[in-house]
PDB file of N, CA and C in Angstrom:
ATOM      1  N   MET A   1       0.846  -1.172   0.000  1.00  0.00           N
ATOM      2  CA  MET A   1       0.000   0.000   0.000  1.00  0.00           C
ATOM      3  C   MET A   1       0.892   1.236   0.000  1.00  0.00           C
ATOM      4  N   ALA A   2       0.623   2.128  -0.878  1.00  0.00           N
ATOM      5  CA  ALA A   2       1.399   3.361  -0.976  1.00  0.00           C
ATOM      6  C   ALA A   2       1.038   4.315   0.157  1.00  0.00           C
ATOM      7  N   ILE A   3       2.020   5.096   0.566  1.00  0.00           N
ATOM      8  CA  ILE A   3       1.813   6.128   1.584  1.00  0.00           C
ATOM      9  C   ILE A   3       2.144   7.464   0.939  1.00  0.00           C
ATOM     10  N   TYR A   4       1.341   8.471   1.244  1.00  0.00           N
ATOM     11  CA  TYR A   4       1.480   9.773   0.622  1.00  0.00           C
ATOM     12  C   TYR A   4       1.683  10.852   1.664  1.00  0.00           C
ATOM     13  N   LYS A   5       2.269  11.956   1.239  1.00  0.00           N
ATOM     14  CA  LYS A   5       2.491  13.116   2.096  1.00  0.00           C
ATOM     15  C   LYS A   5       1.860  14.325   1.417  1.00  0.00           C
ATOM     16  N   LEU A   6       1.199  15.169   2.194  1.00  0.00           N
ATOM     17  CA  LEU A   6       0.656  16.409   1.653  1.00  0.00           C
ATOM     18  C   LEU A   6       1.759  17.450   1.729  1.00  0.00           C
ATOM     19  N   SER A   7       2.097  18.038   0.591  1.00  0.00           N
ATOM     20  CA  SER A   7       3.205  18.975   0.530  1.00  0.00           C
ATOM     21  C   SER A   7       2.918  20.057  -0.507  1.00  0.00           C
ATOM     22  N   ASP A   8       2.972  21.312  -0.097  1.00  0.00           N
ATOM     23  CA  ASP A   8       2.779  22.439  -1.018  1.00  0.00           C
ATOM     24  C   ASP A   8       1.550  22.267  -1.895  1.00  0.00           C
ATOM     25  N   GLU A   9       0.442  21.924  -1.251  1.00  0.00           N
ATOM     26  CA  GLU A   9      -0.835  21.751  -1.934  1.00  0.00           C
ATOM     27  C   GLU A   9      -0.821  20.625  -2.970  1.00  0.00           C
ATOM     28  N   LYS A  10       0.100  19.683  -2.803  1.00  0.00           N
ATOM     29  CA  LYS A  10       0.172  18.510  -3.669  1.00  0.00           C
ATOM     30  C   LYS A  10       0.166  17.260  -2.810  1.00  0.00           C
ATOM     31  N   ILE A  11      -0.163  16.144  -3.444  1.00  0.00           N
ATOM     32  CA  ILE A  11      -0.034  14.841  -2.801  1.00  0.00           C
ATOM     33  C   ILE A  11       1.191  14.181  -3.414  1.00  0.00           C
ATOM     34  N   VAL A  12       2.152  13.832  -2.567  1.00  0.00           N
ATOM     35  CA  VAL A  12       3.413  13.261  -3.033  1.00  0.00           C
ATOM     36  C   VAL A  12       3.530  11.835  -2.505  1.00  0.00           C
ATOM     37  N   LYS A  13       3.775  10.889  -3.403  1.00  0.00           N
ATOM     38  CA  LYS A  13       3.955   9.499  -2.998  1.00  0.00           C
ATOM     39  C   LYS A  13       5.340   9.341  -2.377  1.00  0.00           C
ATOM     40  N   LEU A  14       5.400   8.733  -1.195  1.00  0.00           N
ATOM     41  CA  LEU A  14       6.678   8.486  -0.537  1.00  0.00           C
ATOM     42  C   LEU A  14       7.321   7.231  -1.092  1.00  0.00           C
ATOM     43  N   ASN A  15       8.637   7.195  -1.066  1.00  0.00           N
ATOM     44  CA  ASN A  15       9.366   6.033  -1.565  1.00  0.00           C
ATOM     45  C   ASN A  15       9.120   4.819  -0.683  1.00  0.00           C
ATOM     46  N   THR A  16       9.003   3.673  -1.327  1.00  0.00           N
ATOM     47  CA  THR A  16       8.846   2.416  -0.608  1.00  0.00           C
ATOM     48  C   THR A  16      10.171   2.039   0.030  1.00  0.00           C
ATOM     49  N   THR A  17      10.109   1.512   1.249  1.00  0.00           N
ATOM     50  CA  THR A  17      11.321   1.086   1.946  1.00  0.00           C
ATOM     51  C   THR A  17      11.010  -0.149   2.779  1.00  0.00           C
ATOM     52  N   THR A  18      12.007  -0.645   3.440  1.00  0.00           N
ATOM     53  CA  THR A  18      11.833  -1.784   4.344  1.00  0.00           C
ATOM     54  C   THR A  18      12.572  -1.493   5.633  1.00  0.00           C
ATOM     55  N   PHE A  19      12.276  -2.272   6.668  1.00  0.00           N
ATOM     56  CA  PHE A  19      13.018  -2.125   7.921  1.00  0.00           C
ATOM     57  C   PHE A  19      14.492  -2.403   7.684  1.00  0.00           C
ATOM     58  N   ALA A  20      14.801  -3.396   6.870  1.00  0.00           N
ATOM     59  CA  ALA A  20      16.197  -3.743   6.590  1.00  0.00           C
ATOM     60  C   ALA A  20      16.932  -2.578   5.921  1.00  0.00           C
ATOM     61  N   LYS A  21      16.297  -1.951   4.938  1.00  0.00           N
ATOM     62  CA  LYS A  21      16.916  -0.805   4.269  1.00  0.00           C
ATOM     63  C   LYS A  21      17.155   0.347   5.235  1.00  0.00           C
ATOM     64  N   GLU A  22      16.256   0.525   6.186  1.00  0.00           N
ATOM     65  CA  GLU A  22      16.356   1.615   7.160  1.00  0.00           C
ATOM     66  C   GLU A  22      17.184   1.231   8.385  1.00  0.00           C
ATOM     67  N   LYS A  23      17.686  -0.010   8.373  1.00  0.00           N
ATOM     68  CA  LYS A  23      18.487  -0.546   9.475  1.00  0.00           C
ATOM     69  C   LYS A  23      17.729  -0.491  10.805  1.00  0.00           C
ATOM     70  N   ILE A  24      16.460  -0.919  10.742  1.00  0.00           N
ATOM     71  CA  ILE A  24      15.603  -0.992  11.920  1.00  0.00           C
ATOM     72  C   ILE A  24      15.325  -2.456  12.217  1.00  0.00           C
ATOM     73  N   ASN A  25      15.636  -2.875  13.435  1.00  0.00           N
ATOM     74  CA  ASN A  25      15.349  -4.232  13.867  1.00  0.00           C
ATOM     75  C   ASN A  25      13.936  -4.241  14.444  1.00  0.00           C
ATOM     76  N   GLU A  26      13.073  -5.049  13.848  1.00  0.00           N
ATOM     77  CA  GLU A  26      11.671  -5.061  14.270  1.00  0.00           C
ATOM     78  C   GLU A  26      11.503  -5.451  15.732  1.00  0.00           C
ATOM     79  N   ALA A  27      12.274  -6.424  16.187  1.00  0.00           N
ATOM     80  CA  ALA A  27      12.084  -6.960  17.540  1.00  0.00           C
ATOM     81  C   ALA A  27      12.563  -6.005  18.636  1.00  0.00           C
ATOM     82  N   THR A  28      13.595  -5.233  18.376  1.00  0.00           N
ATOM     83  CA  THR A  28      14.118  -4.364  19.434  1.00  0.00           C
ATOM     84  C   THR A  28      13.887  -2.891  19.137  1.00  0.00           C
ATOM     85  N   ASP A  29      14.315  -2.429  17.973  1.00  0.00           N
ATOM     86  CA  ASP A  29      14.203  -1.005  17.666  1.00  0.00           C
ATOM     87  C   ASP A  29      12.762  -0.538  17.577  1.00  0.00           C
ATOM     88  N   LEU A  30      11.949  -1.253  16.819  1.00  0.00           N
ATOM     89  CA  LEU A  30      10.566  -0.830  16.630  1.00  0.00           C
ATOM     90  C   LEU A  30       9.808  -0.814  17.952  1.00  0.00           C
ATOM     91  N   GLN A  31      10.036  -1.831  18.763  1.00  0.00           N
ATOM     92  CA  GLN A  31       9.391  -1.877  20.081  1.00  0.00           C
ATOM     93  C   GLN A  31       9.810  -0.671  20.923  1.00  0.00           C
ATOM     94  N   LYS A  32      11.102  -0.333  20.889  1.00  0.00           N
ATOM     95  CA  LYS A  32      11.612   0.804  21.656  1.00  0.00           C
ATOM     96  C   LYS A  32      11.028   2.112  21.136  1.00  0.00           C
ATOM     97  N   PHE A  33      10.980   2.276  19.801  1.00  0.00           N
ATOM     98  CA  PHE A  33      10.439   3.499  19.216  1.00  0.00           C
ATOM     99  C   PHE A  33       8.978   3.705  19.620  1.00  0.00           C
ATOM    100  N   ILE A  34       8.202   2.639  19.570  1.00  0.00           N
ATOM    101  CA  ILE A  34       6.789   2.742  19.935  1.00  0.00           C
ATOM    102  C   ILE A  34       6.631   3.072  21.415  1.00  0.00           C
ATOM    103  N   ALA A  35       7.375   2.391  22.272  1.00  0.00           N
ATOM    104  CA  ALA A  35       7.280   2.653  23.719  1.00  0.00           C
ATOM    105  C   ALA A  35       7.689   4.082  24.052  1.00  0.00           C
ATOM    106  N   ASN A  36       8.699   4.605  23.357  1.00  0.00           N
ATOM    107  CA  ASN A  36       9.187   5.958  23.636  1.00  0.00           C
ATOM    108  C   ASN A  36       8.351   7.056  23.001  1.00  0.00           C
ATOM    109  N   SER A  37       7.442   6.677  22.098  1.00  0.00           N
ATOM    110  CA  SER A  37       6.605   7.665  21.410  1.00  0.00           C
ATOM    111  C   SER A  37       5.152   7.199  21.367  1.00  0.00           C
ATOM    112  N   ILE A  38       4.690   6.596  22.427  1.00  0.00           N
ATOM    113  CA  ILE A  38       3.352   5.991  22.450  1.00  0.00           C
ATOM    114  C   ILE A  38       2.244   7.000  22.147  1.00  0.00           C
ATOM    115  N   GLU A  39       2.498   8.286  22.424  1.00  0.00           N
ATOM    116  CA  GLU A  39       1.473   9.309  22.213  1.00  0.00           C
ATOM    117  C   GLU A  39       1.115   9.493  20.738  1.00  0.00           C
ATOM    118  N   VAL A  40       1.952   9.054  19.812  1.00  0.00           N
ATOM    119  CA  VAL A  40       1.591   9.176  18.394  1.00  0.00           C
ATOM    120  C   VAL A  40       0.474   8.214  18.027  1.00  0.00           C
ATOM    121  N   ILE A  41       0.335   7.140  18.784  1.00  0.00           N
ATOM    122  CA  ILE A  41      -0.763   6.199  18.560  1.00  0.00           C
ATOM    123  C   ILE A  41      -2.037   6.745  19.173  1.00  0.00           C
ATOM    124  N   ASP A  42      -1.938   7.207  20.406  1.00  0.00           N
ATOM    125  CA  ASP A  42      -3.073   7.820  21.095  1.00  0.00           C
ATOM    126  C   ASP A  42      -2.520   8.619  22.260  1.00  0.00           C
ATOM    127  N   PRO A  43      -2.861   9.898  22.376  1.00  0.00           N
ATOM    128  CA  PRO A  43      -2.316  10.719  23.458  1.00  0.00           C
ATOM    129  C   PRO A  43      -2.740  10.267  24.860  1.00  0.00           C
ATOM    130  N   ASN A  44      -3.753   9.408  24.941  1.00  0.00           N
ATOM    131  CA  ASN A  44      -4.219   8.936  26.248  1.00  0.00           C
ATOM    132  C   ASN A  44      -3.588   7.617  26.674  1.00  0.00           C
ATOM    133  N   LEU A  45      -2.694   7.063  25.861  1.00  0.00           N
ATOM    134  CA  LEU A  45      -2.028   5.810  26.205  1.00  0.00           C
ATOM    135  C   LEU A  45      -0.768   6.079  27.004  1.00  0.00           C
ATOM    136  N   PHE A  46      -0.387   5.102  27.802  1.00  0.00           N
ATOM    137  CA  PHE A  46       0.916   5.152  28.462  1.00  0.00           C
ATOM    138  C   PHE A  46       1.433   3.732  28.589  1.00  0.00           C
ATOM    139  N   VAL A  47       2.738   3.598  28.668  1.00  0.00           N
ATOM    140  CA  VAL A  47       3.382   2.292  28.725  1.00  0.00           C
ATOM    141  C   VAL A  47       3.579   1.928  30.193  1.00  0.00           C
ATOM    142  N   ILE A  48       3.029   0.802  30.585  1.00  0.00           N
ATOM    143  CA  ILE A  48       3.197   0.308  31.949  1.00  0.00           C
ATOM    144  C   ILE A  48       4.499  -0.464  32.058  1.00  0.00           C
ATOM    145  N   SER A  49       4.763  -1.282  31.056  1.00  0.00           N
ATOM    146  CA  SER A  49       5.965  -2.100  31.063  1.00  0.00           C
ATOM    147  C   SER A  49       6.299  -2.482  29.633  1.00  0.00           C
ATOM    148  N   THR A  50       7.565  -2.772  29.409  1.00  0.00           N
ATOM    149  CA  THR A  50       7.962  -3.300  28.114  1.00  0.00           C
ATOM    150  C   THR A  50       8.261  -4.777  28.286  1.00  0.00           C
ATOM    151  N   GLU A  51       8.450  -5.446  27.188  1.00  0.00           N
ATOM    152  CA  GLU A  51       8.725  -6.880  27.224  1.00  0.00           C
ATOM    153  C   GLU A  51      10.011  -7.146  27.999  1.00  0.00           C
ATOM    154  N   PHE A  52       9.996  -8.165  28.794  1.00  0.00           N
ATOM    155  CA  PHE A  52      11.205  -8.555  29.513  1.00  0.00           C
ATOM    156  C   PHE A  52      11.316 -10.067  29.477  1.00  0.00           C
ATOM    157  N   CYS A  53      12.500 -10.588  29.731  1.00  0.00           N
ATOM    158  CA  CYS A  53      12.701 -12.016  29.527  1.00  0.00           C
ATOM    159  C   CYS A  53      13.633 -12.631  30.573  1.00  0.00           C
ATOM    160  N   ASP A  54      13.586 -12.166  31.783  1.00  0.00           N
ATOM    161  CA  ASP A  54      14.487 -12.675  32.818  1.00  0.00           C
ATOM    162  C   ASP A  54      13.827 -13.746  33.687  1.00  0.00           C
ATOM    163  N   TRP A  55      13.156 -14.688  33.073  1.00  0.00           N
ATOM    164  CA  TRP A  55      12.571 -15.783  33.826  1.00  0.00           C
ATOM    165  C   TRP A  55      12.728 -17.082  33.050  1.00  0.00           C
ATOM    166  N   GLU A  56      12.515 -18.162  33.725  1.00  0.00           N
ATOM    167  CA  GLU A  56      12.602 -19.478  33.095  1.00  0.00           C
ATOM    168  C   GLU A  56      11.598 -19.563  31.953  1.00  0.00           C
ATOM    169  N   ASP A  57      11.921 -20.249  30.903  1.00  0.00           N
ATOM    170  CA  ASP A  57      11.081 -20.373  29.705  1.00  0.00           C
ATOM    171  C   ASP A  57      10.882 -19.039  28.999  1.00  0.00           C
ATOM    172  N   SER A  58      11.852 -18.148  29.089  1.00  0.00           N
ATOM    173  CA  SER A  58      11.694 -16.814  28.508  1.00  0.00           C
ATOM    174  C   SER A  58      11.770 -16.808  26.982  1.00  0.00           C
ATOM    175  N   LYS A  59      11.985 -17.938  26.367  1.00  0.00           N
ATOM    176  CA  LYS A  59      11.994 -17.987  24.905  1.00  0.00           C
ATOM    177  C   LYS A  59      10.581 -17.845  24.350  1.00  0.00           C
ATOM    178  N   ARG A  60       9.595 -18.052  25.196  1.00  0.00           N
ATOM    179  CA  ARG A  60       8.204 -17.890  24.779  1.00  0.00           C
ATOM    180  C   ARG A  60       7.761 -16.471  25.077  1.00  0.00           C
ATOM    181  N   ARG A  61       6.924 -15.924  24.236  1.00  0.00           N
ATOM    182  CA  ARG A  61       6.444 -14.552  24.462  1.00  0.00           C
ATOM    183  C   ARG A  61       4.967 -14.577  24.755  1.00  0.00           C
TER     184      ARG A  61
END
């Protein structure tokens, strides 16, 4: 799906990219970005905790 930007009274199609091209790791970076900027999703949200894995069987999520 294409994404567009409104610019100077025009609609401009943004270039397609991937997480790999942008050097973003989905499992760590994206999670961190969302937790640190949760208000862009909804200004009434807040993060109680992020994922952690310091227990037995932590390979399961």
